[in-house]
Amino acid sequence: GLLIADRPAGPLFAVDGRALSWEQVMQTADEQG
């Protein structure tokens, strides 16, 4: 609910309106160890 907020459509997992890529997911998890 917090992620979707008031967005009516589009990719669920998005940052700044752009869908997360596999590479972003891997990098962010890796940055957290």
Full PDB file with SEQRES, HELIX, SHEET, SSBOND, CRYST1, ORIGX, SCALE, CONECT and MASTER records, all heavy atoms in Angstrom:
SEQRES   1 A   33  GLY LEU LEU ILE ALA ASP ARG PRO ALA GLY PRO LEU PHE          
SEQRES   2 A   33  ALA VAL ASP GLY ARG ALA LEU SER TRP GLU GLN VAL MET          
SEQRES   3 A   33  GLN THR ALA ASP GLU GLN GLY                                  
HELIX    1 AA1 TRP A   22  GLU A   31  1                                  10    
SHEET    1 AA1 2 ALA A  14  VAL A  15  0                                        
SHEET    2 AA1 2 ARG A  18  ALA A  19 -1                                        
CRYST1    1.000    1.000    1.000  90.00  90.00  90.00 P 1           1          
ORIGX1      1.000000  0.000000  0.000000        0.00000                         
ORIGX2      0.000000  1.000000  0.000000        0.00000                         
ORIGX3      0.000000  0.000000  1.000000        0.00000                         
SCALE1      1.000000  0.000000  0.000000        0.00000                         
SCALE2      0.000000  1.000000  0.000000        0.00000                         
SCALE3      0.000000  0.000000  1.000000        0.00000                         
ATOM      1  N   GLY A   1       0.824  -1.208   0.000  1.00  0.00           N  
ATOM      2  CA  GLY A   1       0.000   0.000   0.000  1.00  0.00           C  
ATOM      3  C   GLY A   1       0.857   1.256   0.000  1.00  0.00           C  
ATOM      4  O   GLY A   1       0.568   2.217  -0.720  1.00  0.00           O  
ATOM      5  N   LEU A   2       1.923   1.241   0.787  1.00  0.00           N  
ATOM      6  CA  LEU A   2       2.855   2.373   0.803  1.00  0.00           C  
ATOM      7  C   LEU A   2       3.585   2.503  -0.533  1.00  0.00           C  
ATOM      8  O   LEU A   2       3.806   3.609  -1.034  1.00  0.00           O  
ATOM      9  CB  LEU A   2       3.869   2.211   1.938  1.00  0.00           C  
ATOM     10  CG  LEU A   2       3.316   2.284   3.355  1.00  0.00           C  
ATOM     11  CD1 LEU A   2       4.393   1.896   4.365  1.00  0.00           C  
ATOM     12  CD2 LEU A   2       2.781   3.680   3.644  1.00  0.00           C  
ATOM     13  N   LEU A   3       3.947   1.373  -1.113  1.00  0.00           N  
ATOM     14  CA  LEU A   3       4.656   1.375  -2.392  1.00  0.00           C  
ATOM     15  C   LEU A   3       3.770   1.907  -3.513  1.00  0.00           C  
ATOM     16  O   LEU A   3       4.188   2.739  -4.309  1.00  0.00           O  
ATOM     17  CB  LEU A   3       5.139  -0.044  -2.727  1.00  0.00           C  
ATOM     18  CG  LEU A   3       5.819  -0.222  -4.084  1.00  0.00           C  
ATOM     19  CD1 LEU A   3       7.116   0.592  -4.147  1.00  0.00           C  
ATOM     20  CD2 LEU A   3       6.081  -1.698  -4.337  1.00  0.00           C  
ATOM     21  N   ILE A   4       2.529   1.450  -3.547  1.00  0.00           N  
ATOM     22  CA  ILE A   4       1.610   1.849  -4.615  1.00  0.00           C  
ATOM     23  C   ILE A   4       1.161   3.294  -4.427  1.00  0.00           C  
ATOM     24  O   ILE A   4       1.082   4.056  -5.387  1.00  0.00           O  
ATOM     25  CB  ILE A   4       0.398   0.899  -4.667  1.00  0.00           C  
ATOM     26  CG1 ILE A   4       0.846  -0.499  -5.100  1.00  0.00           C  
ATOM     27  CG2 ILE A   4      -0.680   1.454  -5.600  1.00  0.00           C  
ATOM     28  CD1 ILE A   4      -0.205  -1.581  -4.929  1.00  0.00           C  
ATOM     29  N   ALA A   5       0.889   3.663  -3.180  1.00  0.00           N  
ATOM     30  CA  ALA A   5       0.413   5.023  -2.836  1.00  0.00           C  
ATOM     31  C   ALA A   5      -0.741   5.410  -3.752  1.00  0.00           C  
ATOM     32  O   ALA A   5      -1.755   4.727  -3.765  1.00  0.00           O  
ATOM     33  CB  ALA A   5       1.557   6.009  -2.867  1.00  0.00           C  
ATOM     34  N   ASP A   6      -0.581   6.460  -4.518  1.00  0.00           N  
ATOM     35  CA  ASP A   6      -1.674   6.928  -5.379  1.00  0.00           C  
ATOM     36  C   ASP A   6      -1.431   6.618  -6.858  1.00  0.00           C  
ATOM     37  O   ASP A   6      -2.084   7.182  -7.723  1.00  0.00           O  
ATOM     38  CB  ASP A   6      -1.901   8.427  -5.184  1.00  0.00           C  
ATOM     39  CG  ASP A   6      -0.662   9.254  -5.493  1.00  0.00           C  
ATOM     40  OD1 ASP A   6       0.406   8.676  -5.788  1.00  0.00           O  
ATOM     41  OD2 ASP A   6      -0.761  10.494  -5.432  1.00  0.00           O  
ATOM     42  N   ARG A   7      -0.490   5.721  -7.150  1.00  0.00           N  
ATOM     43  CA  ARG A   7      -0.232   5.364  -8.557  1.00  0.00           C  
ATOM     44  C   ARG A   7      -1.356   4.477  -9.066  1.00  0.00           C  
ATOM     45  O   ARG A   7      -1.624   3.427  -8.487  1.00  0.00           O  
ATOM     46  CB  ARG A   7       1.099   4.632  -8.701  1.00  0.00           C  
ATOM     47  CG  ARG A   7       2.300   5.487  -8.362  1.00  0.00           C  
ATOM     48  CD  ARG A   7       3.618   4.759  -8.633  1.00  0.00           C  
ATOM     49  NE  ARG A   7       3.748   3.570  -7.795  1.00  0.00           N  
ATOM     50  CZ  ARG A   7       4.319   2.429  -8.197  1.00  0.00           C  
ATOM     51  NH1 ARG A   7       4.780   2.294  -9.413  1.00  0.00           N  
ATOM     52  NH2 ARG A   7       4.418   1.407  -7.359  1.00  0.00           N  
ATOM     53  N   PRO A   8      -2.016   4.848 -10.149  1.00  0.00           N  
ATOM     54  CA  PRO A   8      -3.129   4.046 -10.655  1.00  0.00           C  
ATOM     55  C   PRO A   8      -2.700   2.843 -11.500  1.00  0.00           C  
ATOM     56  O   PRO A   8      -3.433   1.872 -11.626  1.00  0.00           O  
ATOM     57  CB  PRO A   8      -3.923   5.036 -11.501  1.00  0.00           C  
ATOM     58  CG  PRO A   8      -2.888   6.001 -11.986  1.00  0.00           C  
ATOM     59  CD  PRO A   8      -1.887   6.116 -10.857  1.00  0.00           C  
ATOM     60  N   ALA A   9      -1.510   2.904 -12.071  1.00  0.00           N  
ATOM     61  CA  ALA A   9      -1.050   1.837 -12.971  1.00  0.00           C  
ATOM     62  C   ALA A   9       0.463   1.914 -13.080  1.00  0.00           C  
ATOM     63  O   ALA A   9       1.096   2.826 -12.549  1.00  0.00           O  
ATOM     64  CB  ALA A   9      -1.695   2.004 -14.345  1.00  0.00           C  
ATOM     65  N   GLY A  10       1.015   0.943 -13.769  1.00  0.00           N  
ATOM     66  CA  GLY A  10       2.454   0.911 -13.998  1.00  0.00           C  
ATOM     67  C   GLY A  10       3.101  -0.237 -13.271  1.00  0.00           C  
ATOM     68  O   GLY A  10       2.431  -1.050 -12.624  1.00  0.00           O  
ATOM     69  N   PRO A  11       4.426  -0.323 -13.372  1.00  0.00           N  
ATOM     70  CA  PRO A  11       5.134  -1.417 -12.707  1.00  0.00           C  
ATOM     71  C   PRO A  11       5.008  -1.308 -11.190  1.00  0.00           C  
ATOM     72  O   PRO A  11       5.096  -0.212 -10.632  1.00  0.00           O  
ATOM     73  CB  PRO A  11       6.587  -1.239 -13.161  1.00  0.00           C  
ATOM     74  CG  PRO A  11       6.687   0.125 -13.714  1.00  0.00           C  
ATOM     75  CD  PRO A  11       5.318   0.571 -14.097  1.00  0.00           C  
ATOM     76  N   LEU A  12       4.788  -2.431 -10.540  1.00  0.00           N  
ATOM     77  CA  LEU A  12       4.645  -2.438  -9.087  1.00  0.00           C  
ATOM     78  C   LEU A  12       5.952  -2.029  -8.420  1.00  0.00           C  
ATOM     79  O   LEU A  12       5.970  -1.150  -7.577  1.00  0.00           O  
ATOM     80  CB  LEU A  12       4.215  -3.830  -8.606  1.00  0.00           C  
ATOM     81  CG  LEU A  12       4.056  -3.989  -7.100  1.00  0.00           C  
ATOM     82  CD1 LEU A  12       2.969  -3.062  -6.561  1.00  0.00           C  
ATOM     83  CD2 LEU A  12       3.754  -5.435  -6.742  1.00  0.00           C  
ATOM     84  N   PHE A  13       7.025  -2.670  -8.802  1.00  0.00           N  
ATOM     85  CA  PHE A  13       8.324  -2.405  -8.189  1.00  0.00           C  
ATOM     86  C   PHE A  13       9.062  -1.376  -9.039  1.00  0.00           C  
ATOM     87  O   PHE A  13       9.789  -1.730  -9.965  1.00  0.00           O  
ATOM     88  CB  PHE A  13       9.126  -3.697  -8.028  1.00  0.00           C  
ATOM     89  CG  PHE A  13       8.459  -4.680  -7.134  1.00  0.00           C  
ATOM     90  CD1 PHE A  13       7.827  -5.799  -7.652  1.00  0.00           C  
ATOM     91  CD2 PHE A  13       8.423  -4.483  -5.763  1.00  0.00           C  
ATOM     92  CE1 PHE A  13       7.189  -6.708  -6.820  1.00  0.00           C  
ATOM     93  CE2 PHE A  13       7.788  -5.382  -4.921  1.00  0.00           C  
ATOM     94  CZ  PHE A  13       7.169  -6.498  -5.456  1.00  0.00           C  
ATOM     95  N   ALA A  14       8.834  -0.121  -8.715  1.00  0.00           N  
ATOM     96  CA  ALA A  14       9.412   0.972  -9.494  1.00  0.00           C  
ATOM     97  C   ALA A  14      10.043   2.007  -8.573  1.00  0.00           C  
ATOM     98  O   ALA A  14       9.571   2.229  -7.467  1.00  0.00           O  
ATOM     99  CB  ALA A  14       8.327   1.631 -10.346  1.00  0.00           C  
ATOM    100  N   VAL A  15      11.091   2.622  -9.079  1.00  0.00           N  
ATOM    101  CA  VAL A  15      11.746   3.736  -8.407  1.00  0.00           C  
ATOM    102  C   VAL A  15      11.776   4.877  -9.412  1.00  0.00           C  
ATOM    103  O   VAL A  15      12.238   4.702 -10.536  1.00  0.00           O  
ATOM    104  CB  VAL A  15      13.180   3.372  -7.947  1.00  0.00           C  
ATOM    105  CG1 VAL A  15      13.890   4.584  -7.385  1.00  0.00           C  
ATOM    106  CG2 VAL A  15      13.149   2.245  -6.927  1.00  0.00           C  
ATOM    107  N   ASP A  16      11.224   6.013  -9.008  1.00  0.00           N  
ATOM    108  CA  ASP A  16      11.136   7.178  -9.889  1.00  0.00           C  
ATOM    109  C   ASP A  16      10.431   6.843 -11.207  1.00  0.00           C  
ATOM    110  O   ASP A  16      10.841   7.297 -12.272  1.00  0.00           O  
ATOM    111  CB  ASP A  16      12.532   7.766 -10.158  1.00  0.00           C  
ATOM    112  CG  ASP A  16      13.199   8.272  -8.892  1.00  0.00           C  
ATOM    113  OD1 ASP A  16      12.468   8.770  -8.000  1.00  0.00           O  
ATOM    114  OD2 ASP A  16      14.430   8.160  -8.784  1.00  0.00           O  
ATOM    115  N   GLY A  17       9.394   6.015 -11.114  1.00  0.00           N  
ATOM    116  CA  GLY A  17       8.585   5.677 -12.283  1.00  0.00           C  
ATOM    117  C   GLY A  17       9.171   4.617 -13.195  1.00  0.00           C  
ATOM    118  O   GLY A  17       8.552   4.238 -14.184  1.00  0.00           O  
ATOM    119  N   ARG A  18      10.339   4.115 -12.871  1.00  0.00           N  
ATOM    120  CA  ARG A  18      10.992   3.097 -13.711  1.00  0.00           C  
ATOM    121  C   ARG A  18      11.027   1.764 -12.984  1.00  0.00           C  
ATOM    122  O   ARG A  18      11.406   1.694 -11.808  1.00  0.00           O  
ATOM    123  CB  ARG A  18      12.404   3.532 -14.064  1.00  0.00           C  
ATOM    124  CG  ARG A  18      12.436   4.838 -14.866  1.00  0.00           C  
ATOM    125  CD  ARG A  18      13.841   5.143 -15.254  1.00  0.00           C  
ATOM    126  NE  ARG A  18      14.386   3.990 -15.939  1.00  0.00           N  
ATOM    127  CZ  ARG A  18      14.970   4.027 -17.119  1.00  0.00           C  
ATOM    128  NH1 ARG A  18      15.116   5.156 -17.735  1.00  0.00           N  
ATOM    129  NH2 ARG A  18      15.443   2.935 -17.678  1.00  0.00           N  
ATOM    130  N   ALA A  19      10.636   0.710 -13.709  1.00  0.00           N  
ATOM    131  CA  ALA A  19      10.636  -0.634 -13.131  1.00  0.00           C  
ATOM    132  C   ALA A  19      12.046  -1.028 -12.702  1.00  0.00           C  
ATOM    133  O   ALA A  19      13.030  -0.706 -13.371  1.00  0.00           O  
ATOM    134  CB  ALA A  19      10.111  -1.642 -14.151  1.00  0.00           C  
ATOM    135  N   LEU A  20      12.122  -1.704 -11.559  1.00  0.00           N  
ATOM    136  CA  LEU A  20      13.410  -2.229 -11.108  1.00  0.00           C  
ATOM    137  C   LEU A  20      13.925  -3.256 -12.101  1.00  0.00           C  
ATOM    138  O   LEU A  20      13.163  -4.091 -12.596  1.00  0.00           O  
ATOM    139  CB  LEU A  20      13.278  -2.904  -9.748  1.00  0.00           C  
ATOM    140  CG  LEU A  20      13.012  -2.047  -8.530  1.00  0.00           C  
ATOM    141  CD1 LEU A  20      12.937  -2.930  -7.283  1.00  0.00           C  
ATOM    142  CD2 LEU A  20      14.067  -0.983  -8.362  1.00  0.00           C  
ATOM    143  N   SER A  21      15.210  -3.225 -12.335  1.00  0.00           N  
ATOM    144  CA  SER A  21      15.841  -4.248 -13.178  1.00  0.00           C  
ATOM    145  C   SER A  21      16.459  -5.310 -12.277  1.00  0.00           C  
ATOM    146  O   SER A  21      16.698  -5.077 -11.083  1.00  0.00           O  
ATOM    147  CB  SER A  21      16.933  -3.617 -14.054  1.00  0.00           C  
ATOM    148  OG  SER A  21      18.029  -3.208 -13.245  1.00  0.00           O  
ATOM    149  N   TRP A  22      16.725  -6.451 -12.866  1.00  0.00           N  
ATOM    150  CA  TRP A  22      17.394  -7.534 -12.149  1.00  0.00           C  
ATOM    151  C   TRP A  22      18.710  -7.023 -11.563  1.00  0.00           C  
ATOM    152  O   TRP A  22      19.044  -7.306 -10.410  1.00  0.00           O  
ATOM    153  CB  TRP A  22      17.629  -8.699 -13.111  1.00  0.00           C  
ATOM    154  CG  TRP A  22      18.393  -9.826 -12.514  1.00  0.00           C  
ATOM    155  CD1 TRP A  22      19.730 -10.067 -12.634  1.00  0.00           C  
ATOM    156  CD2 TRP A  22      17.879 -10.853 -11.671  1.00  0.00           C  
ATOM    157  NE1 TRP A  22      20.078 -11.180 -11.928  1.00  0.00           N  
ATOM    158  CE2 TRP A  22      18.954 -11.691 -11.337  1.00  0.00           C  
ATOM    159  CE3 TRP A  22      16.619 -11.146 -11.179  1.00  0.00           C  
ATOM    160  CZ2 TRP A  22      18.801 -12.803 -10.525  1.00  0.00           C  
ATOM    161  CZ3 TRP A  22      16.480 -12.265 -10.366  1.00  0.00           C  
ATOM    162  CH2 TRP A  22      17.554 -13.077 -10.049  1.00  0.00           C  
ATOM    163  N   GLU A  23      19.454  -6.256 -12.354  1.00  0.00           N  
ATOM    164  CA  GLU A  23      20.737  -5.740 -11.907  1.00  0.00           C  
ATOM    165  C   GLU A  23      20.584  -4.816 -10.697  1.00  0.00           C  
ATOM    166  O   GLU A  23      21.383  -4.873  -9.758  1.00  0.00           O  
ATOM    167  CB  GLU A  23      21.452  -4.997 -13.049  1.00  0.00           C  
ATOM    168  CG  GLU A  23      21.907  -5.906 -14.170  1.00  0.00           C  
ATOM    169  CD  GLU A  23      20.784  -6.326 -15.120  1.00  0.00           C  
ATOM    170  OE1 GLU A  23      19.702  -5.668 -15.137  1.00  0.00           O  
ATOM    171  OE2 GLU A  23      20.964  -7.326 -15.832  1.00  0.00           O  
ATOM    172  N   GLN A  24      19.580  -3.941 -10.711  1.00  0.00           N  
ATOM    173  CA  GLN A  24      19.350  -3.048  -9.573  1.00  0.00           C  
ATOM    174  C   GLN A  24      19.015  -3.845  -8.316  1.00  0.00           C  
ATOM    175  O   GLN A  24      19.467  -3.508  -7.218  1.00  0.00           O  
ATOM    176  CB  GLN A  24      18.203  -2.083  -9.869  1.00  0.00           C  
ATOM    177  CG  GLN A  24      18.518  -1.017 -10.873  1.00  0.00           C  
ATOM    178  CD  GLN A  24      17.269  -0.248 -11.239  1.00  0.00           C  
ATOM    179  OE1 GLN A  24      16.263  -0.830 -11.654  1.00  0.00           O  
ATOM    180  NE2 GLN A  24      17.332   1.060 -11.084  1.00  0.00           N  
ATOM    181  N   VAL A  25      18.207  -4.880  -8.479  1.00  0.00           N  
ATOM    182  CA  VAL A  25      17.812  -5.718  -7.343  1.00  0.00           C  
ATOM    183  C   VAL A  25      19.039  -6.392  -6.740  1.00  0.00           C  
ATOM    184  O   VAL A  25      19.244  -6.374  -5.521  1.00  0.00           O  
ATOM    185  CB  VAL A  25      16.762  -6.762  -7.781  1.00  0.00           C  
ATOM    186  CG1 VAL A  25      16.532  -7.802  -6.705  1.00  0.00           C  
ATOM    187  CG2 VAL A  25      15.465  -6.073  -8.172  1.00  0.00           C  
ATOM    188  N   MET A  26      19.866  -6.966  -7.600  1.00  0.00           N  
ATOM    189  CA  MET A  26      21.074  -7.653  -7.125  1.00  0.00           C  
ATOM    190  C   MET A  26      22.022  -6.666  -6.441  1.00  0.00           C  
ATOM    191  O   MET A  26      22.554  -6.943  -5.376  1.00  0.00           O  
ATOM    192  CB  MET A  26      21.784  -8.337  -8.300  1.00  0.00           C  
ATOM    193  CG  MET A  26      20.931  -9.368  -9.007  1.00  0.00           C  
ATOM    194  SD  MET A  26      20.654 -10.824  -8.012  1.00  0.00           S  
ATOM    195  CE  MET A  26      22.204 -11.637  -8.235  1.00  0.00           C  
ATOM    196  N   GLN A  27      22.228  -5.502  -7.052  1.00  0.00           N  
ATOM    197  CA  GLN A  27      23.150  -4.511  -6.513  1.00  0.00           C  
ATOM    198  C   GLN A  27      22.684  -3.981  -5.162  1.00  0.00           C  
ATOM    199  O   GLN A  27      23.468  -3.858  -4.221  1.00  0.00           O  
ATOM    200  CB  GLN A  27      23.311  -3.356  -7.494  1.00  0.00           C  
ATOM    201  CG  GLN A  27      24.238  -2.279  -6.985  1.00  0.00           C  
ATOM    202  CD  GLN A  27      24.382  -1.125  -7.958  1.00  0.00           C  
ATOM    203  OE1 GLN A  27      23.875  -1.153  -9.065  1.00  0.00           O  
ATOM    204  NE2 GLN A  27      25.091  -0.098  -7.522  1.00  0.00           N  
ATOM    205  N   THR A  28      21.402  -3.670  -5.038  1.00  0.00           N  
ATOM    206  CA  THR A  28      20.894  -3.103  -3.785  1.00  0.00           C  
ATOM    207  C   THR A  28      20.978  -4.122  -2.649  1.00  0.00           C  
ATOM    208  O   THR A  28      21.366  -3.771  -1.533  1.00  0.00           O  
ATOM    209  CB  THR A  28      19.459  -2.588  -3.971  1.00  0.00           C  
ATOM    210  OG1 THR A  28      19.472  -1.595  -4.999  1.00  0.00           O  
ATOM    211  CG2 THR A  28      18.922  -1.978  -2.691  1.00  0.00           C  
ATOM    212  N   ALA A  29      20.629  -5.364  -2.929  1.00  0.00           N  
ATOM    213  CA  ALA A  29      20.755  -6.396  -1.894  1.00  0.00           C  
ATOM    214  C   ALA A  29      22.225  -6.552  -1.493  1.00  0.00           C  
ATOM    215  O   ALA A  29      22.550  -6.620  -0.303  1.00  0.00           O  
ATOM    216  CB  ALA A  29      20.186  -7.719  -2.396  1.00  0.00           C  
ATOM    217  N   ASP A  30      23.093  -6.561  -2.491  1.00  0.00           N  
ATOM    218  CA  ASP A  30      24.528  -6.695  -2.223  1.00  0.00           C  
ATOM    219  C   ASP A  30      25.047  -5.527  -1.386  1.00  0.00           C  
ATOM    220  O   ASP A  30      25.873  -5.715  -0.490  1.00  0.00           O  
ATOM    221  CB  ASP A  30      25.290  -6.792  -3.546  1.00  0.00           C  
ATOM    222  CG  ASP A  30      26.751  -7.137  -3.340  1.00  0.00           C  
ATOM    223  OD1 ASP A  30      27.038  -8.151  -2.678  1.00  0.00           O  
ATOM    224  OD2 ASP A  30      27.606  -6.371  -3.842  1.00  0.00           O  
ATOM    225  N   GLU A  31      24.559  -4.326  -1.652  1.00  0.00           N  
ATOM    226  CA  GLU A  31      24.972  -3.156  -0.871  1.00  0.00           C  
ATOM    227  C   GLU A  31      24.590  -3.292   0.601  1.00  0.00           C  
ATOM    228  O   GLU A  31      25.228  -2.700   1.470  1.00  0.00           O  
ATOM    229  CB  GLU A  31      24.343  -1.883  -1.446  1.00  0.00           C  
ATOM    230  CG  GLU A  31      24.947  -1.458  -2.766  1.00  0.00           C  
ATOM    231  CD  GLU A  31      24.164  -0.360  -3.448  1.00  0.00           C  
ATOM    232  OE1 GLU A  31      23.088   0.063  -2.942  1.00  0.00           O  
ATOM    233  OE2 GLU A  31      24.607   0.083  -4.526  1.00  0.00           O  
ATOM    234  N   GLN A  32      23.555  -4.095   0.869  1.00  0.00           N  
ATOM    235  CA  GLN A  32      23.132  -4.328   2.256  1.00  0.00           C  
ATOM    236  C   GLN A  32      23.826  -5.547   2.855  1.00  0.00           C  
ATOM    237  O   GLN A  32      23.532  -5.952   3.980  1.00  0.00           O  
ATOM    238  CB  GLN A  32      21.610  -4.506   2.320  1.00  0.00           C  
ATOM    239  CG  GLN A  32      20.845  -3.296   1.847  1.00  0.00           C  
ATOM    240  CD  GLN A  32      21.249  -2.028   2.583  1.00  0.00           C  
ATOM    241  OE1 GLN A  32      21.378  -2.020   3.799  1.00  0.00           O  
ATOM    242  NE2 GLN A  32      21.465  -0.951   1.838  1.00  0.00           N  
ATOM    243  N   GLY A  33      24.729  -6.154   2.070  1.00  0.00           N  
ATOM    244  CA  GLY A  33      25.523  -7.275   2.569  1.00  0.00           C  
ATOM    245  C   GLY A  33      24.901  -8.638   2.370  1.00  0.00           C  
ATOM    246  O   GLY A  33      25.316  -9.600   3.021  1.00  0.00           O  
TER     247      GLY A  33                                                      
MASTER        0    0    0    1    2    0    0    6  246    1    0    3          
END                                                                             
